[in-house]
Amino acid sequence: MTPRAMDRLARLEANAARPTTGKHLIFRIEARSGTPTDEIVTFLKDRGHSIHEGDDVFVMNVSAYGMAEGEPPRDLSPTLLTEEARAMASAAGQWPKGCERFTFRLDSPRDLQ
């Protein structure tokens, strides 16, 4: 690894979010494109999901581009997240079981030449 890459990695790690003491929770919703995640989390809490401060919430925004301007978000969860279900969720900062093999493949400019 080059010194420049090592320096960049060190700066990224320094700015990385610290692990929380909460739970890792995943929700699937429909909301217009660009809706801030904190606004969606507030919507989910108001709907009755058991989300606590310090929880690591991952939101999958499905059909974002199909939503009309001003249309409210829709919760696609089959049931509300209860305290019991939240207690069984994995700790924040860890990927839930089954997600460890998920990777992104980034296109390299060298591949395009």
C-alpha atoms as a PDB file:
ATOM      1  CA  MET A   1       0.000   0.000   0.000  1.00  0.00           C
ATOM      2  CA  THR A   2       1.360   3.420  -0.895  1.00  0.00           C
ATOM      3  CA  PRO A   3       1.949   6.068   1.784  1.00  0.00           C
ATOM      4  CA  ARG A   4      -0.766   8.213   0.157  1.00  0.00           C
ATOM      5  CA  ALA A   5      -3.301   5.364   0.369  1.00  0.00           C
ATOM      6  CA  MET A   6      -2.307   4.646   3.974  1.00  0.00           C
ATOM      7  CA  ASP A   7      -2.755   8.332   4.859  1.00  0.00           C
ATOM      8  CA  ARG A   8      -6.193   8.385   3.207  1.00  0.00           C
ATOM      9  CA  LEU A   9      -7.228   5.214   5.042  1.00  0.00           C
ATOM     10  CA  ALA A  10      -6.090   6.682   8.377  1.00  0.00           C
ATOM     11  CA  ARG A  11      -8.144   9.834   7.735  1.00  0.00           C
ATOM     12  CA  LEU A  12     -11.217   7.781   6.817  1.00  0.00           C
ATOM     13  CA  GLU A  13     -10.872   5.654   9.954  1.00  0.00           C
ATOM     14  CA  ALA A  14     -10.497   8.757  12.119  1.00  0.00           C
ATOM     15  CA  ASN A  15     -13.811  10.104  10.799  1.00  0.00           C
ATOM     16  CA  ALA A  16     -15.621   6.764  10.959  1.00  0.00           C
ATOM     17  CA  ALA A  17     -18.727   6.484  13.101  1.00  0.00           C
ATOM     18  CA  ARG A  18     -18.034   4.881  16.431  1.00  0.00           C
ATOM     19  CA  PRO A  19     -19.889   1.651  17.253  1.00  0.00           C
ATOM     20  CA  THR A  20     -22.984   2.253  19.346  1.00  0.00           C
ATOM     21  CA  THR A  21     -24.402   0.241  22.209  1.00  0.00           C
ATOM     22  CA  GLY A  22     -27.724  -0.191  20.403  1.00  0.00           C
ATOM     23  CA  LYS A  23     -29.059  -2.769  17.971  1.00  0.00           C
ATOM     24  CA  HIS A  24     -28.643  -3.191  14.220  1.00  0.00           C
ATOM     25  CA  LEU A  25     -32.118  -2.837  12.683  1.00  0.00           C
ATOM     26  CA  ILE A  26     -33.154  -3.058   9.032  1.00  0.00           C
ATOM     27  CA  PHE A  27     -36.342  -1.595   7.540  1.00  0.00           C
ATOM     28  CA  ARG A  28     -37.788  -1.569   4.037  1.00  0.00           C
ATOM     29  CA  ILE A  29     -39.817   1.510   3.140  1.00  0.00           C
ATOM     30  CA  GLU A  30     -41.094   3.512   0.199  1.00  0.00           C
ATOM     31  CA  ALA A  31     -40.263   7.217   0.294  1.00  0.00           C
ATOM     32  CA  ARG A  32     -39.501   9.883  -2.266  1.00  0.00           C
ATOM     33  CA  SER A  33     -35.899  10.060  -3.432  1.00  0.00           C
ATOM     34  CA  GLY A  34     -33.668  12.162  -1.215  1.00  0.00           C
ATOM     35  CA  THR A  35     -35.745  11.757   1.960  1.00  0.00           C
ATOM     36  CA  PRO A  36     -33.284  12.066   4.882  1.00  0.00           C
ATOM     37  CA  THR A  37     -32.780   8.872   6.876  1.00  0.00           C
ATOM     38  CA  ASP A  38     -33.501  10.617  10.208  1.00  0.00           C
ATOM     39  CA  GLU A  39     -36.889  11.717   8.831  1.00  0.00           C
ATOM     40  CA  ILE A  40     -37.639   8.117   7.835  1.00  0.00           C
ATOM     41  CA  VAL A  41     -36.539   6.803  11.267  1.00  0.00           C
ATOM     42  CA  THR A  42     -38.831   9.352  12.958  1.00  0.00           C
ATOM     43  CA  PHE A  43     -41.683   8.149  10.716  1.00  0.00           C
ATOM     44  CA  LEU A  44     -40.969   4.516  11.693  1.00  0.00           C
ATOM     45  CA  LYS A  45     -40.849   5.390  15.423  1.00  0.00           C
ATOM     46  CA  ASP A  46     -44.119   7.321  15.166  1.00  0.00           C
ATOM     47  CA  ARG A  47     -45.667   4.330  13.417  1.00  0.00           C
ATOM     48  CA  GLY A  48     -44.877   2.209  16.493  1.00  0.00           C
ATOM     49  CA  HIS A  49     -41.610   0.416  15.693  1.00  0.00           C
ATOM     50  CA  SER A  50     -39.388  -0.244  18.708  1.00  0.00           C
ATOM     51  CA  ILE A  51     -36.373   1.884  17.741  1.00  0.00           C
ATOM     52  CA  HIS A  52     -34.246   3.291  20.563  1.00  0.00           C
ATOM     53  CA  GLU A  53     -31.655   6.060  20.627  1.00  0.00           C
ATOM     54  CA  GLY A  54     -28.293   4.527  19.734  1.00  0.00           C
ATOM     55  CA  ASP A  55     -29.748   1.894  17.399  1.00  0.00           C
ATOM     56  CA  ASP A  56     -28.020   1.487  14.048  1.00  0.00           C
ATOM     57  CA  VAL A  57     -30.891   1.724  11.536  1.00  0.00           C
ATOM     58  CA  PHE A  58     -30.373   0.632   7.933  1.00  0.00           C
ATOM     59  CA  VAL A  59     -33.161   1.817   5.611  1.00  0.00           C
ATOM     60  CA  MET A  60     -33.780   0.251   2.212  1.00  0.00           C
ATOM     61  CA  ASN A  61     -35.742   2.810   0.195  1.00  0.00           C
ATOM     62  CA  VAL A  62     -37.640   0.773  -2.394  1.00  0.00           C
ATOM     63  CA  SER A  63     -39.411   2.493  -5.302  1.00  0.00           C
ATOM     64  CA  ALA A  64     -38.070   5.916  -4.298  1.00  0.00           C
ATOM     65  CA  TYR A  65     -38.233   7.226  -7.845  1.00  0.00           C
ATOM     66  CA  GLY A  66     -41.839   6.074  -8.260  1.00  0.00           C
ATOM     67  CA  MET A  67     -43.095   8.292  -5.425  1.00  0.00           C
ATOM     68  CA  ALA A  68     -44.873  11.534  -6.258  1.00  0.00           C
ATOM     69  CA  GLU A  69     -43.642  14.770  -4.699  1.00  0.00           C
ATOM     70  CA  GLY A  70     -45.231  15.266  -1.281  1.00  0.00           C
ATOM     71  CA  GLU A  71     -46.430  11.657  -1.033  1.00  0.00           C
ATOM     72  CA  PRO A  72     -45.872  10.345   2.520  1.00  0.00           C
ATOM     73  CA  PRO A  73     -43.487   7.438   3.189  1.00  0.00           C
ATOM     74  CA  ARG A  74     -44.889   3.916   3.380  1.00  0.00           C
ATOM     75  CA  ASP A  75     -43.692   1.242   5.778  1.00  0.00           C
ATOM     76  CA  LEU A  76     -43.319  -2.103   3.988  1.00  0.00           C
ATOM     77  CA  SER A  77     -42.789  -4.135   7.179  1.00  0.00           C
ATOM     78  CA  PRO A  78     -45.260  -7.008   7.548  1.00  0.00           C
ATOM     79  CA  THR A  79     -45.473  -6.333  11.327  1.00  0.00           C
ATOM     80  CA  LEU A  80     -44.293  -3.713  13.781  1.00  0.00           C
ATOM     81  CA  LEU A  81     -40.905  -4.296  15.402  1.00  0.00           C
ATOM     82  CA  THR A  82     -41.636  -5.237  19.022  1.00  0.00           C
ATOM     83  CA  GLU A  83     -39.335  -4.960  22.031  1.00  0.00           C
ATOM     84  CA  GLU A  84     -38.949  -8.752  21.953  1.00  0.00           C
ATOM     85  CA  ALA A  85     -37.900  -8.767  18.285  1.00  0.00           C
ATOM     86  CA  ARG A  86     -35.525  -5.847  18.902  1.00  0.00           C
ATOM     87  CA  ALA A  87     -33.924  -7.759  21.799  1.00  0.00           C
ATOM     88  CA  MET A  88     -33.097 -10.602  19.381  1.00  0.00           C
ATOM     89  CA  ALA A  89     -31.483  -8.274  16.807  1.00  0.00           C
ATOM     90  CA  SER A  90     -27.703  -8.282  16.529  1.00  0.00           C
ATOM     91  CA  ALA A  91     -25.609  -5.581  18.173  1.00  0.00           C
ATOM     92  CA  ALA A  92     -25.032  -2.328  16.320  1.00  0.00           C
ATOM     93  CA  GLY A  93     -21.799  -2.161  14.413  1.00  0.00           C
ATOM     94  CA  GLN A  94     -22.097  -5.781  13.276  1.00  0.00           C
ATOM     95  CA  TRP A  95     -23.753  -6.984  10.103  1.00  0.00           C
ATOM     96  CA  PRO A  96     -26.764  -9.200  10.727  1.00  0.00           C
ATOM     97  CA  LYS A  97     -26.318 -12.916  10.064  1.00  0.00           C
ATOM     98  CA  GLY A  98     -26.460 -13.626   6.324  1.00  0.00           C
ATOM     99  CA  CYS A  99     -25.098 -10.232   5.265  1.00  0.00           C
ATOM    100  CA  GLU A 100     -21.381 -10.989   5.690  1.00  0.00           C
ATOM    101  CA  ARG A 101     -21.038 -12.137   2.076  1.00  0.00           C
ATOM    102  CA  PHE A 102     -22.600  -8.971   0.659  1.00  0.00           C
ATOM    103  CA  THR A 103     -20.040  -6.953  -1.319  1.00  0.00           C
ATOM    104  CA  PHE A 104     -20.054  -4.049  -3.732  1.00  0.00           C
ATOM    105  CA  ARG A 105     -18.159  -4.270  -7.006  1.00  0.00           C
ATOM    106  CA  LEU A 106     -16.890  -0.859  -8.040  1.00  0.00           C
ATOM    107  CA  ASP A 107     -16.065  -0.197 -11.672  1.00  0.00           C
ATOM    108  CA  SER A 108     -12.452   0.689 -12.215  1.00  0.00           C
ATOM    109  CA  PRO A 109     -11.520   3.276 -14.878  1.00  0.00           C
ATOM    110  CA  ARG A 110      -8.830   0.816 -16.026  1.00  0.00           C
ATOM    111  CA  ASP A 111     -11.549  -1.742 -16.819  1.00  0.00           C
ATOM    112  CA  LEU A 112     -13.231   0.730 -19.154  1.00  0.00           C
ATOM    113  CA  GLN A 113     -10.215   1.264 -21.388  1.00  0.00           C
END
